[in-house]
């Protein structure tokens, strides 16, 4: 815990700034994730959040989701995916980093 004073205020500002800076998450879903409407459901869910990116079926049977947005939006978006599609998901591989700003919307990509 930080003592009261300017250091505490500066730390709080950094925490707030980190939560609104755009981030990028790359997620690989495996399980029975193709042929069940996963991509269309993910795109519909994305419409409820301030995120951009894409979702795409992969040749190996997994689904790739790449999304950018504020950390809190991404967390809520991925939690909604888990709630609505979790019954089809056996494994999730997730990586995060800074946003690249290359997307204007959230779309379905076709291989």
PDB file of N, CA and C in Angstrom:
ATOM      1  N   UNK A   1       0.843  -1.176   0.000  1.00  0.00           N
ATOM      2  CA  UNK A   1       0.000   0.000   0.000  1.00  0.00           C
ATOM      3  C   UNK A   1       0.887   1.237   0.000  1.00  0.00           C
ATOM      4  N   UNK A   2       0.562   2.198  -0.821  1.00  0.00           N
ATOM      5  CA  UNK A   2       1.333   3.436  -0.900  1.00  0.00           C
ATOM      6  C   UNK A   2       0.865   4.418   0.165  1.00  0.00           C
ATOM      7  N   UNK A   3       1.784   5.206   0.694  1.00  0.00           N
ATOM      8  CA  UNK A   3       1.383   6.224   1.664  1.00  0.00           C
ATOM      9  C   UNK A   3       0.582   7.317   0.975  1.00  0.00           C
ATOM     10  N   UNK A   4      -0.237   8.057   1.726  1.00  0.00           N
ATOM     11  CA  UNK A   4      -0.976   9.150   1.117  1.00  0.00           C
ATOM     12  C   UNK A   4       0.002  10.199   0.601  1.00  0.00           C
ATOM     13  N   UNK A   5      -0.395  10.925  -0.392  1.00  0.00           N
ATOM     14  CA  UNK A   5       0.454  11.978  -0.924  1.00  0.00           C
ATOM     15  C   UNK A   5       0.566  11.897  -2.428  1.00  0.00           C
ATOM     16  N   UNK A   6       1.491  12.665  -3.000  1.00  0.00           N
ATOM     17  CA  UNK A   6       1.603  12.762  -4.455  1.00  0.00           C
ATOM     18  C   UNK A   6       1.949  11.442  -5.124  1.00  0.00           C
ATOM     19  N   UNK A   7       2.755  10.576  -4.466  1.00  0.00           N
ATOM     20  CA  UNK A   7       3.102   9.298  -5.080  1.00  0.00           C
ATOM     21  C   UNK A   7       1.866   8.435  -5.282  1.00  0.00           C
ATOM     22  N   UNK A   8       0.971   8.477  -4.323  1.00  0.00           N
ATOM     23  CA  UNK A   8      -0.260   7.684  -4.426  1.00  0.00           C
ATOM     24  C   UNK A   8      -1.120   8.185  -5.587  1.00  0.00           C
ATOM     25  N   UNK A   9      -1.244   9.490  -5.734  1.00  0.00           N
ATOM     26  CA  UNK A   9      -2.041  10.059  -6.821  1.00  0.00           C
ATOM     27  C   UNK A   9      -1.427   9.700  -8.170  1.00  0.00           C
ATOM     28  N   UNK A  10      -0.110   9.792  -8.278  1.00  0.00           N
ATOM     29  CA  UNK A  10       0.556   9.459  -9.540  1.00  0.00           C
ATOM     30  C   UNK A  10       0.338   7.990  -9.871  1.00  0.00           C
ATOM     31  N   UNK A  11       0.420   7.119  -8.871  1.00  0.00           N
ATOM     32  CA  UNK A  11       0.210   5.695  -9.098  1.00  0.00           C
ATOM     33  C   UNK A  11      -1.212   5.426  -9.573  1.00  0.00           C
ATOM     34  N   UNK A  12      -2.184   6.106  -8.986  1.00  0.00           N
ATOM     35  CA  UNK A  12      -3.583   5.930  -9.396  1.00  0.00           C
ATOM     36  C   UNK A  12      -3.768   6.367 -10.835  1.00  0.00           C
ATOM     37  N   UNK A  13      -3.121   7.471 -11.222  1.00  0.00           N
ATOM     38  CA  UNK A  13      -3.238   7.946 -12.603  1.00  0.00           C
ATOM     39  C   UNK A  13      -2.641   6.948 -13.576  1.00  0.00           C
ATOM     40  N   UNK A  14      -1.522   6.331 -13.237  1.00  0.00           N
ATOM     41  CA  UNK A  14      -0.902   5.330 -14.100  1.00  0.00           C
ATOM     42  C   UNK A  14      -1.845   4.149 -14.253  1.00  0.00           C
ATOM     43  N   UNK A  15      -2.460   3.692 -13.168  1.00  0.00           N
ATOM     44  CA  UNK A  15      -3.394   2.571 -13.240  1.00  0.00           C
ATOM     45  C   UNK A  15      -4.569   2.871 -14.147  1.00  0.00           C
ATOM     46  N   UNK A  16      -5.111   4.078 -14.056  1.00  0.00           N
ATOM     47  CA  UNK A  16      -6.232   4.472 -14.915  1.00  0.00           C
ATOM     48  C   UNK A  16      -5.765   4.535 -16.358  1.00  0.00           C
ATOM     49  N   UNK A  17      -4.598   5.116 -16.603  1.00  0.00           N
ATOM     50  CA  UNK A  17      -4.083   5.228 -17.971  1.00  0.00           C
ATOM     51  C   UNK A  17      -3.873   3.855 -18.579  1.00  0.00           C
ATOM     52  N   UNK A  18      -3.338   2.908 -17.806  1.00  0.00           N
ATOM     53  CA  UNK A  18      -3.113   1.565 -18.337  1.00  0.00           C
ATOM     54  C   UNK A  18      -4.420   0.894 -18.715  1.00  0.00           C
ATOM     55  N   UNK A  19      -5.495   1.166 -17.989  1.00  0.00           N
ATOM     56  CA  UNK A  19      -6.763   0.493 -18.268  1.00  0.00           C
ATOM     57  C   UNK A  19      -7.452   1.038 -19.515  1.00  0.00           C
ATOM     58  N   UNK A  20      -7.073   2.256 -19.961  1.00  0.00           N
ATOM     59  CA  UNK A  20      -7.738   2.807 -21.138  1.00  0.00           C
ATOM     60  C   UNK A  20      -6.839   2.823 -22.372  1.00  0.00           C
ATOM     61  N   UNK A  21      -5.546   2.526 -22.203  1.00  0.00           N
ATOM     62  CA  UNK A  21      -4.670   2.440 -23.367  1.00  0.00           C
ATOM     63  C   UNK A  21      -5.105   1.270 -24.236  1.00  0.00           C
ATOM     64  N   UNK A  22      -5.120   1.450 -25.538  1.00  0.00           N
ATOM     65  CA  UNK A  22      -5.521   0.334 -26.397  1.00  0.00           C
ATOM     66  C   UNK A  22      -4.542  -0.832 -26.286  1.00  0.00           C
ATOM     67  N   UNK A  23      -5.095  -1.999 -26.193  1.00  0.00           N
ATOM     68  CA  UNK A  23      -4.325  -3.237 -26.129  1.00  0.00           C
ATOM     69  C   UNK A  23      -4.765  -4.159 -27.264  1.00  0.00           C
ATOM     70  N   UNK A  24      -3.955  -5.144 -27.547  1.00  0.00           N
ATOM     71  CA  UNK A  24      -4.282  -6.141 -28.569  1.00  0.00           C
ATOM     72  C   UNK A  24      -4.202  -7.503 -27.898  1.00  0.00           C
ATOM     73  N   UNK A  25      -5.215  -8.323 -28.129  1.00  0.00           N
ATOM     74  CA  UNK A  25      -5.153  -9.694 -27.649  1.00  0.00           C
ATOM     75  C   UNK A  25      -5.337 -10.636 -28.833  1.00  0.00           C
ATOM     76  N   UNK A  26      -4.548 -11.679 -28.817  1.00  0.00           N
ATOM     77  CA  UNK A  26      -4.618 -12.728 -29.824  1.00  0.00           C
ATOM     78  C   UNK A  26      -5.001 -13.995 -29.089  1.00  0.00           C
ATOM     79  N   UNK A  27      -6.116 -14.596 -29.491  1.00  0.00           N
ATOM     80  CA  UNK A  27      -6.650 -15.745 -28.773  1.00  0.00           C
ATOM     81  C   UNK A  27      -6.899 -16.881 -29.755  1.00  0.00           C
ATOM     82  N   UNK A  28      -6.416 -18.067 -29.399  1.00  0.00           N
ATOM     83  CA  UNK A  28      -6.687 -19.278 -30.169  1.00  0.00           C
ATOM     84  C   UNK A  28      -7.633 -20.142 -29.348  1.00  0.00           C
ATOM     85  N   UNK A  29      -8.775 -20.457 -29.915  1.00  0.00           N
ATOM     86  CA  UNK A  29      -9.756 -21.316 -29.261  1.00  0.00           C
ATOM     87  C   UNK A  29      -9.724 -22.681 -29.932  1.00  0.00           C
ATOM     88  N   UNK A  30      -9.730 -23.735 -29.126  1.00  0.00           N
ATOM     89  CA  UNK A  30      -9.837 -25.083 -29.682  1.00  0.00           C
ATOM     90  C   UNK A  30     -10.956 -25.820 -28.970  1.00  0.00           C
ATOM     91  N   UNK A  31     -11.381 -26.876 -29.584  1.00  0.00           N
ATOM     92  CA  UNK A  31     -12.522 -27.657 -29.121  1.00  0.00           C
ATOM     93  C   UNK A  31     -13.437 -27.874 -30.308  1.00  0.00           C
ATOM     94  N   UNK A  32     -14.729 -27.862 -30.058  1.00  0.00           N
ATOM     95  CA  UNK A  32     -15.704 -27.945 -31.149  1.00  0.00           C
ATOM     96  C   UNK A  32     -16.119 -26.512 -31.478  1.00  0.00           C
ATOM     97  N   UNK A  33     -15.183 -25.777 -32.089  1.00  0.00           N
ATOM     98  CA  UNK A  33     -15.375 -24.354 -32.302  1.00  0.00           C
ATOM     99  C   UNK A  33     -15.661 -23.988 -33.761  1.00  0.00           C
ATOM    100  N   UNK A  34     -15.627 -24.974 -34.644  1.00  0.00           N
ATOM    101  CA  UNK A  34     -16.003 -24.711 -36.034  1.00  0.00           C
ATOM    102  C   UNK A  34     -17.299 -25.444 -36.337  1.00  0.00           C
ATOM    103  N   UNK A  35     -18.132 -24.812 -37.154  1.00  0.00           N
ATOM    104  CA  UNK A  35     -19.411 -25.417 -37.514  1.00  0.00           C
ATOM    105  C   UNK A  35     -20.495 -25.223 -36.472  1.00  0.00           C
ATOM    106  N   UNK A  36     -20.275 -24.317 -35.521  1.00  0.00           N
ATOM    107  CA  UNK A  36     -21.261 -24.089 -34.454  1.00  0.00           C
ATOM    108  C   UNK A  36     -21.681 -22.619 -34.378  1.00  0.00           C
ATOM    109  N   UNK A  37     -21.287 -21.819 -35.370  1.00  0.00           N
ATOM    110  CA  UNK A  37     -21.636 -20.405 -35.371  1.00  0.00           C
ATOM    111  C   UNK A  37     -20.719 -19.550 -34.516  1.00  0.00           C
ATOM    112  N   UNK A  38     -19.540 -20.049 -34.198  1.00  0.00           N
ATOM    113  CA  UNK A  38     -18.611 -19.344 -33.316  1.00  0.00           C
ATOM    114  C   UNK A  38     -18.257 -17.962 -33.857  1.00  0.00           C
ATOM    115  N   UNK A  39     -17.867 -17.895 -35.128  1.00  0.00           N
ATOM    116  CA  UNK A  39     -17.438 -16.608 -35.700  1.00  0.00           C
ATOM    117  C   UNK A  39     -18.576 -15.592 -35.720  1.00  0.00           C
ATOM    118  N   UNK A  40     -19.761 -16.027 -36.102  1.00  0.00           N
ATOM    119  CA  UNK A  40     -20.893 -15.107 -36.191  1.00  0.00           C
ATOM    120  C   UNK A  40     -21.322 -14.638 -34.797  1.00  0.00           C
ATOM    121  N   UNK A  41     -21.261 -15.547 -33.833  1.00  0.00           N
ATOM    122  CA  UNK A  41     -21.588 -15.169 -32.458  1.00  0.00           C
ATOM    123  C   UNK A  41     -20.535 -14.204 -31.910  1.00  0.00           C
ATOM    124  N   UNK A  42     -19.263 -14.464 -32.185  1.00  0.00           N
ATOM    125  CA  UNK A  42     -18.196 -13.569 -31.730  1.00  0.00           C
ATOM    126  C   UNK A  42     -18.369 -12.173 -32.325  1.00  0.00           C
ATOM    127  N   UNK A  43     -18.725 -12.111 -33.603  1.00  0.00           N
ATOM    128  CA  UNK A  43     -18.933 -10.800 -34.233  1.00  0.00           C
ATOM    129  C   UNK A  43     -20.131 -10.087 -33.598  1.00  0.00           C
ATOM    130  N   UNK A  44     -21.188 -10.822 -33.312  1.00  0.00           N
ATOM    131  CA  UNK A  44     -22.366 -10.223 -32.665  1.00  0.00           C
ATOM    132  C   UNK A  44     -22.000  -9.705 -31.280  1.00  0.00           C
ATOM    133  N   UNK A  45     -21.269 -10.493 -30.519  1.00  0.00           N
ATOM    134  CA  UNK A  45     -20.849 -10.080 -29.182  1.00  0.00           C
ATOM    135  C   UNK A  45     -19.957  -8.843 -29.265  1.00  0.00           C
ATOM    136  N   UNK A  46     -19.052  -8.820 -30.223  1.00  0.00           N
ATOM    137  CA  UNK A  46     -18.142  -7.673 -30.377  1.00  0.00           C
ATOM    138  C   UNK A  46     -18.910  -6.374 -30.562  1.00  0.00           C
ATOM    139  N   UNK A  47     -20.092  -6.442 -31.170  1.00  0.00           N
ATOM    140  CA  UNK A  47     -20.908  -5.258 -31.373  1.00  0.00           C
ATOM    141  C   UNK A  47     -21.368  -4.603 -30.092  1.00  0.00           C
ATOM    142  N   UNK A  48     -21.290  -5.317 -28.987  1.00  0.00           N
ATOM    143  CA  UNK A  48     -21.692  -4.764 -27.682  1.00  0.00           C
ATOM    144  C   UNK A  48     -20.540  -4.062 -26.969  1.00  0.00           C
ATOM    145  N   UNK A  49     -19.349  -4.110 -27.554  1.00  0.00           N
ATOM    146  CA  UNK A  49     -18.159  -3.566 -26.903  1.00  0.00           C
ATOM    147  C   UNK A  49     -17.401  -2.664 -27.864  1.00  0.00           C
ATOM    148  N   UNK A  50     -16.558  -1.823 -27.312  1.00  0.00           N
ATOM    149  CA  UNK A  50     -15.710  -0.945 -28.118  1.00  0.00           C
ATOM    150  C   UNK A  50     -14.421  -1.688 -28.431  1.00  0.00           C
ATOM    151  N   UNK A  51     -14.536  -2.655 -29.338  1.00  0.00           N
ATOM    152  CA  UNK A  51     -13.386  -3.442 -29.780  1.00  0.00           C
ATOM    153  C   UNK A  51     -13.382  -3.505 -31.293  1.00  0.00           C
ATOM    154  N   UNK A  52     -12.213  -3.748 -31.848  1.00  0.00           N
ATOM    155  CA  UNK A  52     -12.073  -3.959 -33.285  1.00  0.00           C
ATOM    156  C   UNK A  52     -11.166  -5.164 -33.478  1.00  0.00           C
ATOM    157  N   UNK A  53     -11.184  -5.724 -34.686  1.00  0.00           N
ATOM    158  CA  UNK A  53     -10.346  -6.881 -34.964  1.00  0.00           C
ATOM    159  C   UNK A  53     -11.058  -7.848 -35.874  1.00  0.00           C
ATOM    160  N   UNK A  54     -10.784  -9.134 -35.654  1.00  0.00           N
ATOM    161  CA  UNK A  54     -11.401 -10.147 -36.508  1.00  0.00           C
ATOM    162  C   UNK A  54     -11.420 -11.507 -35.821  1.00  0.00           C
ATOM    163  N   UNK A  55     -12.213 -12.392 -36.385  1.00  0.00           N
ATOM    164  CA  UNK A  55     -12.274 -13.789 -35.975  1.00  0.00           C
ATOM    165  C   UNK A  55     -12.193 -14.618 -37.246  1.00  0.00           C
ATOM    166  N   UNK A  56     -11.489 -15.755 -37.175  1.00  0.00           N
ATOM    167  CA  UNK A  56     -11.227 -16.535 -38.384  1.00  0.00           C
ATOM    168  C   UNK A  56     -11.067 -18.014 -38.035  1.00  0.00           C
ATOM    169  N   UNK A  57     -11.652 -18.884 -38.851  1.00  0.00           N
ATOM    170  CA  UNK A  57     -11.406 -20.315 -38.732  1.00  0.00           C
ATOM    171  C   UNK A  57     -10.010 -20.614 -39.257  1.00  0.00           C
ATOM    172  N   UNK A  58      -9.327 -21.552 -38.605  1.00  0.00           N
ATOM    173  CA  UNK A  58      -8.012 -21.998 -39.060  1.00  0.00           C
ATOM    174  C   UNK A  58      -8.119 -23.410 -39.628  1.00  0.00           C
ATOM    175  N   UNK A  59      -7.212 -23.744 -40.497  1.00  0.00           N
ATOM    176  CA  UNK A  59      -7.228 -25.059 -41.142  1.00  0.00           C
ATOM    177  C   UNK A  59      -7.071 -26.217 -40.157  1.00  0.00           C
ATOM    178  N   UNK A  60      -6.463 -25.963 -38.999  1.00  0.00           N
ATOM    179  CA  UNK A  60      -6.240 -27.031 -38.020  1.00  0.00           C
ATOM    180  C   UNK A  60      -7.431 -27.245 -37.078  1.00  0.00           C
ATOM    181  N   UNK A  61      -8.556 -26.571 -37.342  1.00  0.00           N
ATOM    182  CA  UNK A  61      -9.766 -26.756 -36.541  1.00  0.00           C
ATOM    183  C   UNK A  61      -9.945 -25.746 -35.422  1.00  0.00           C
ATOM    184  N   UNK A  62      -8.949 -24.897 -35.192  1.00  0.00           N
ATOM    185  CA  UNK A  62      -9.080 -23.867 -34.168  1.00  0.00           C
ATOM    186  C   UNK A  62      -9.719 -22.615 -34.756  1.00  0.00           C
ATOM    187  N   UNK A  63     -10.068 -21.692 -33.873  1.00  0.00           N
ATOM    188  CA  UNK A  63     -10.552 -20.369 -34.263  1.00  0.00           C
ATOM    189  C   UNK A  63      -9.574 -19.352 -33.698  1.00  0.00           C
ATOM    190  N   UNK A  64      -9.182 -18.399 -34.531  1.00  0.00           N
ATOM    191  CA  UNK A  64      -8.304 -17.305 -34.129  1.00  0.00           C
ATOM    192  C   UNK A  64      -9.138 -16.057 -33.955  1.00  0.00           C
ATOM    193  N   UNK A  65      -8.956 -15.376 -32.834  1.00  0.00           N
ATOM    194  CA  UNK A  65      -9.617 -14.103 -32.582  1.00  0.00           C
ATOM    195  C   UNK A  65      -8.535 -13.090 -32.240  1.00  0.00           C
ATOM    196  N   UNK A  66      -8.531 -11.982 -32.958  1.00  0.00           N
ATOM    197  CA  UNK A  66      -7.610 -10.880 -32.692  1.00  0.00           C
ATOM    198  C   UNK A  66      -8.474  -9.664 -32.418  1.00  0.00           C
ATOM    199  N   UNK A  67      -8.276  -9.038 -31.256  1.00  0.00           N
ATOM    200  CA  UNK A  67      -9.108  -7.894 -30.899  1.00  0.00           C
ATOM    201  C   UNK A  67      -8.258  -6.811 -30.268  1.00  0.00           C
ATOM    202  N   UNK A  68      -8.651  -5.561 -30.529  1.00  0.00           N
ATOM    203  CA  UNK A  68      -7.996  -4.409 -29.938  1.00  0.00           C
ATOM    204  C   UNK A  68      -9.038  -3.528 -29.263  1.00  0.00           C
ATOM    205  N   UNK A  69      -8.629  -2.922 -28.162  1.00  0.00           N
ATOM    206  CA  UNK A  69      -9.495  -2.018 -27.425  1.00  0.00           C
ATOM    207  C   UNK A  69      -8.892  -1.751 -26.062  1.00  0.00           C
ATOM    208  N   UNK A  70      -9.598  -0.999 -25.247  1.00  0.00           N
ATOM    209  CA  UNK A  70      -9.159  -0.754 -23.875  1.00  0.00           C
ATOM    210  C   UNK A  70      -9.177  -2.078 -23.113  1.00  0.00           C
ATOM    211  N   UNK A  71      -8.276  -2.221 -22.165  1.00  0.00           N
ATOM    212  CA  UNK A  71      -8.135  -3.476 -21.422  1.00  0.00           C
ATOM    213  C   UNK A  71      -9.462  -3.946 -20.830  1.00  0.00           C
ATOM    214  N   UNK A  72     -10.201  -3.050 -20.217  1.00  0.00           N
ATOM    215  CA  UNK A  72     -11.475  -3.429 -19.593  1.00  0.00           C
ATOM    216  C   UNK A  72     -12.483  -3.912 -20.638  1.00  0.00           C
ATOM    217  N   UNK A  73     -12.523  -3.248 -21.784  1.00  0.00           N
ATOM    218  CA  UNK A  73     -13.434  -3.671 -22.858  1.00  0.00           C
ATOM    219  C   UNK A  73     -13.053  -5.058 -23.363  1.00  0.00           C
ATOM    220  N   UNK A  74     -11.755  -5.274 -23.561  1.00  0.00           N
ATOM    221  CA  UNK A  74     -11.298  -6.586 -24.025  1.00  0.00           C
ATOM    222  C   UNK A  74     -11.629  -7.670 -23.008  1.00  0.00           C
ATOM    223  N   UNK A  75     -11.390  -7.388 -21.742  1.00  0.00           N
ATOM    224  CA  UNK A  75     -11.700  -8.366 -20.696  1.00  0.00           C
ATOM    225  C   UNK A  75     -13.180  -8.720 -20.700  1.00  0.00           C
ATOM    226  N   UNK A  76     -14.036  -7.714 -20.806  1.00  0.00           N
ATOM    227  CA  UNK A  76     -15.479  -7.959 -20.818  1.00  0.00           C
ATOM    228  C   UNK A  76     -15.902  -8.699 -22.079  1.00  0.00           C
ATOM    229  N   UNK A  77     -15.309  -8.341 -23.209  1.00  0.00           N
ATOM    230  CA  UNK A  77     -15.598  -9.003 -24.476  1.00  0.00           C
ATOM    231  C   UNK A  77     -15.227 -10.485 -24.401  1.00  0.00           C
ATOM    232  N   UNK A  78     -14.020 -10.784 -23.944  1.00  0.00           N
ATOM    233  CA  UNK A  78     -13.584 -12.182 -23.858  1.00  0.00           C
ATOM    234  C   UNK A  78     -14.392 -12.963 -22.828  1.00  0.00           C
ATOM    235  N   UNK A  79     -14.812 -12.310 -21.760  1.00  0.00           N
ATOM    236  CA  UNK A  79     -15.664 -12.973 -20.768  1.00  0.00           C
ATOM    237  C   UNK A  79     -17.022 -13.310 -21.380  1.00  0.00           C
ATOM    238  N   UNK A  80     -17.555 -12.414 -22.198  1.00  0.00           N
ATOM    239  CA  UNK A  80     -18.835 -12.675 -22.868  1.00  0.00           C
ATOM    240  C   UNK A  80     -18.698 -13.832 -23.861  1.00  0.00           C
ATOM    241  N   UNK A  81     -17.579 -13.894 -24.562  1.00  0.00           N
ATOM    242  CA  UNK A  81     -17.321 -15.026 -25.471  1.00  0.00           C
ATOM    243  C   UNK A  81     -17.332 -16.324 -24.667  1.00  0.00           C
ATOM    244  N   UNK A  82     -16.630 -16.325 -23.544  1.00  0.00           N
ATOM    245  CA  UNK A  82     -16.568 -17.523 -22.701  1.00  0.00           C
ATOM    246  C   UNK A  82     -17.950 -17.927 -22.197  1.00  0.00           C
ATOM    247  N   UNK A  83     -18.760 -16.943 -21.797  1.00  0.00           N
ATOM    248  CA  UNK A  83     -20.109 -17.247 -21.302  1.00  0.00           C
ATOM    249  C   UNK A  83     -20.982 -17.850 -22.395  1.00  0.00           C
ATOM    250  N   UNK A  84     -20.964 -17.246 -23.575  1.00  0.00           N
ATOM    251  CA  UNK A  84     -21.883 -17.665 -24.632  1.00  0.00           C
ATOM    252  C   UNK A  84     -21.381 -18.854 -25.441  1.00  0.00           C
ATOM    253  N   UNK A  85     -20.072 -19.036 -25.522  1.00  0.00           N
ATOM    254  CA  UNK A  85     -19.527 -20.096 -26.372  1.00  0.00           C
ATOM    255  C   UNK A  85     -18.702 -21.123 -25.608  1.00  0.00           C
ATOM    256  N   UNK A  86     -18.616 -20.952 -24.300  1.00  0.00           N
ATOM    257  CA  UNK A  86     -17.770 -21.809 -23.475  1.00  0.00           C
ATOM    258  C   UNK A  86     -18.039 -23.293 -23.612  1.00  0.00           C
ATOM    259  N   UNK A  87     -19.260 -23.662 -23.888  1.00  0.00           N
ATOM    260  CA  UNK A  87     -19.583 -25.091 -24.006  1.00  0.00           C
ATOM    261  C   UNK A  87     -18.879 -25.739 -25.196  1.00  0.00           C
ATOM    262  N   UNK A  88     -18.415 -24.930 -26.152  1.00  0.00           N
ATOM    263  CA  UNK A  88     -17.718 -25.445 -27.332  1.00  0.00           C
ATOM    264  C   UNK A  88     -16.199 -25.383 -27.191  1.00  0.00           C
ATOM    265  N   UNK A  89     -15.714 -24.683 -26.184  1.00  0.00           N
ATOM    266  CA  UNK A  89     -14.284 -24.411 -26.040  1.00  0.00           C
ATOM    267  C   UNK A  89     -13.643 -25.397 -25.069  1.00  0.00           C
ATOM    268  N   UNK A  90     -12.588 -26.065 -25.537  1.00  0.00           N
ATOM    269  CA  UNK A  90     -11.812 -26.959 -24.676  1.00  0.00           C
ATOM    270  C   UNK A  90     -10.528 -26.305 -24.176  1.00  0.00           C
ATOM    271  N   UNK A  91      -9.944 -25.441 -24.998  1.00  0.00           N
ATOM    272  CA  UNK A  91      -8.669 -24.834 -24.640  1.00  0.00           C
ATOM    273  C   UNK A  91      -8.581 -23.425 -25.209  1.00  0.00           C
ATOM    274  N   UNK A  92      -7.921 -22.537 -24.465  1.00  0.00           N
ATOM    275  CA  UNK A  92      -7.728 -21.150 -24.897  1.00  0.00           C
ATOM    276  C   UNK A  92      -6.255 -20.808 -24.736  1.00  0.00           C
ATOM    277  N   UNK A  93      -5.653 -20.294 -25.801  1.00  0.00           N
ATOM    278  CA  UNK A  93      -4.293 -19.762 -25.735  1.00  0.00           C
ATOM    279  C   UNK A  93      -4.402 -18.267 -25.987  1.00  0.00           C
ATOM    280  N   UNK A  94      -3.848 -17.474 -25.094  1.00  0.00           N
ATOM    281  CA  UNK A  94      -4.053 -16.026 -25.117  1.00  0.00           C
ATOM    282  C   UNK A  94      -2.723 -15.306 -25.011  1.00  0.00           C
ATOM    283  N   UNK A  95      -2.524 -14.306 -25.858  1.00  0.00           N
ATOM    284  CA  UNK A  95      -1.354 -13.438 -25.774  1.00  0.00           C
ATOM    285  C   UNK A  95      -1.830 -11.998 -25.874  1.00  0.00           C
ATOM    286  N   UNK A  96      -1.162 -11.098 -25.158  1.00  0.00           N
ATOM    287  CA  UNK A  96      -1.557  -9.690 -25.161  1.00  0.00           C
ATOM    288  C   UNK A  96      -0.348  -8.816 -25.445  1.00  0.00           C
ATOM    289  N   UNK A  97      -0.627  -7.637 -25.984  1.00  0.00           N
ATOM    290  CA  UNK A  97       0.424  -6.668 -26.263  1.00  0.00           C
ATOM    291  C   UNK A  97      -0.207  -5.340 -26.618  1.00  0.00           C
ATOM    292  N   UNK A  98       0.602  -4.385 -27.039  1.00  0.00           N
ATOM    293  CA  UNK A  98       0.050  -3.074 -27.409  1.00  0.00           C
ATOM    294  C   UNK A  98      -0.740  -3.150 -28.713  1.00  0.00           C
ATOM    295  N   UNK A  99      -1.752  -2.331 -28.816  1.00  0.00           N
ATOM    296  CA  UNK A  99      -2.565  -2.264 -30.039  1.00  0.00           C
ATOM    297  C   UNK A  99      -1.730  -1.710 -31.180  1.00  0.00           C
ATOM    298  N   UNK A 100      -2.058  -2.132 -32.381  1.00  0.00           N
ATOM    299  CA  UNK A 100      -1.386  -1.628 -33.582  1.00  0.00           C
ATOM    300  C   UNK A 100      -2.253  -0.629 -34.338  1.00  0.00           C
ATOM    301  N   UNK A 101      -3.536  -0.582 -33.996  1.00  0.00           N
ATOM    302  CA  UNK A 101      -4.437   0.378 -34.622  1.00  0.00           C
ATOM    303  C   UNK A 101      -4.762   0.093 -36.072  1.00  0.00           C
ATOM    304  N   UNK A 102      -4.734  -1.165 -36.458  1.00  0.00           N
ATOM    305  CA  UNK A 102      -4.949  -1.499 -37.865  1.00  0.00           C
ATOM    306  C   UNK A 102      -6.393  -1.861 -38.223  1.00  0.00           C
ATOM    307  N   UNK A 103      -7.291  -1.889 -37.255  1.00  0.00           N
ATOM    308  CA  UNK A 103      -8.673  -2.303 -37.516  1.00  0.00           C
ATOM    309  C   UNK A 103      -9.637  -1.147 -37.299  1.00  0.00           C
ATOM    310  N   UNK A 104     -10.672  -1.097 -38.120  1.00  0.00           N
ATOM    311  CA  UNK A 104     -11.719  -0.088 -37.953  1.00  0.00           C
ATOM    312  C   UNK A 104     -12.992  -0.685 -37.370  1.00  0.00           C
ATOM    313  N   UNK A 105     -13.156  -1.990 -37.514  1.00  0.00           N
ATOM    314  CA  UNK A 105     -14.362  -2.670 -37.041  1.00  0.00           C
ATOM    315  C   UNK A 105     -13.960  -4.080 -36.611  1.00  0.00           C
ATOM    316  N   UNK A 106     -14.951  -4.856 -36.193  1.00  0.00           N
ATOM    317  CA  UNK A 106     -14.704  -6.264 -35.875  1.00  0.00           C
ATOM    318  C   UNK A 106     -15.388  -7.089 -36.944  1.00  0.00           C
ATOM    319  N   UNK A 107     -14.616  -7.891 -37.662  1.00  0.00           N
ATOM    320  CA  UNK A 107     -15.128  -8.627 -38.816  1.00  0.00           C
ATOM    321  C   UNK A 107     -14.807 -10.105 -38.747  1.00  0.00           C
ATOM    322  N   UNK A 108     -15.427 -10.827 -39.636  1.00  0.00           N
ATOM    323  CA  UNK A 108     -15.095 -12.233 -39.865  1.00  0.00           C
ATOM    324  C   UNK A 108     -14.147 -12.273 -41.054  1.00  0.00           C
ATOM    325  N   UNK A 109     -13.042 -12.985 -40.887  1.00  0.00           N
ATOM    326  CA  UNK A 109     -12.117 -13.194 -42.001  1.00  0.00           C
ATOM    327  C   UNK A 109     -12.290 -14.604 -42.516  1.00  0.00           C
ATOM    328  N   UNK A 110     -12.206 -14.732 -43.800  1.00  0.00           N
ATOM    329  CA  UNK A 110     -12.325 -16.030 -44.447  1.00  0.00           C
ATOM    330  C   UNK A 110     -10.957 -16.415 -45.015  1.00  0.00           C
ATOM    331  N   UNK A 111     -10.544 -17.640 -44.782  1.00  0.00           N
ATOM    332  CA  UNK A 111      -9.215 -18.083 -45.230  1.00  0.00           C
ATOM    333  C   UNK A 111      -9.154 -18.175 -46.743  1.00  0.00           C
TER     334      UNK A 111
END
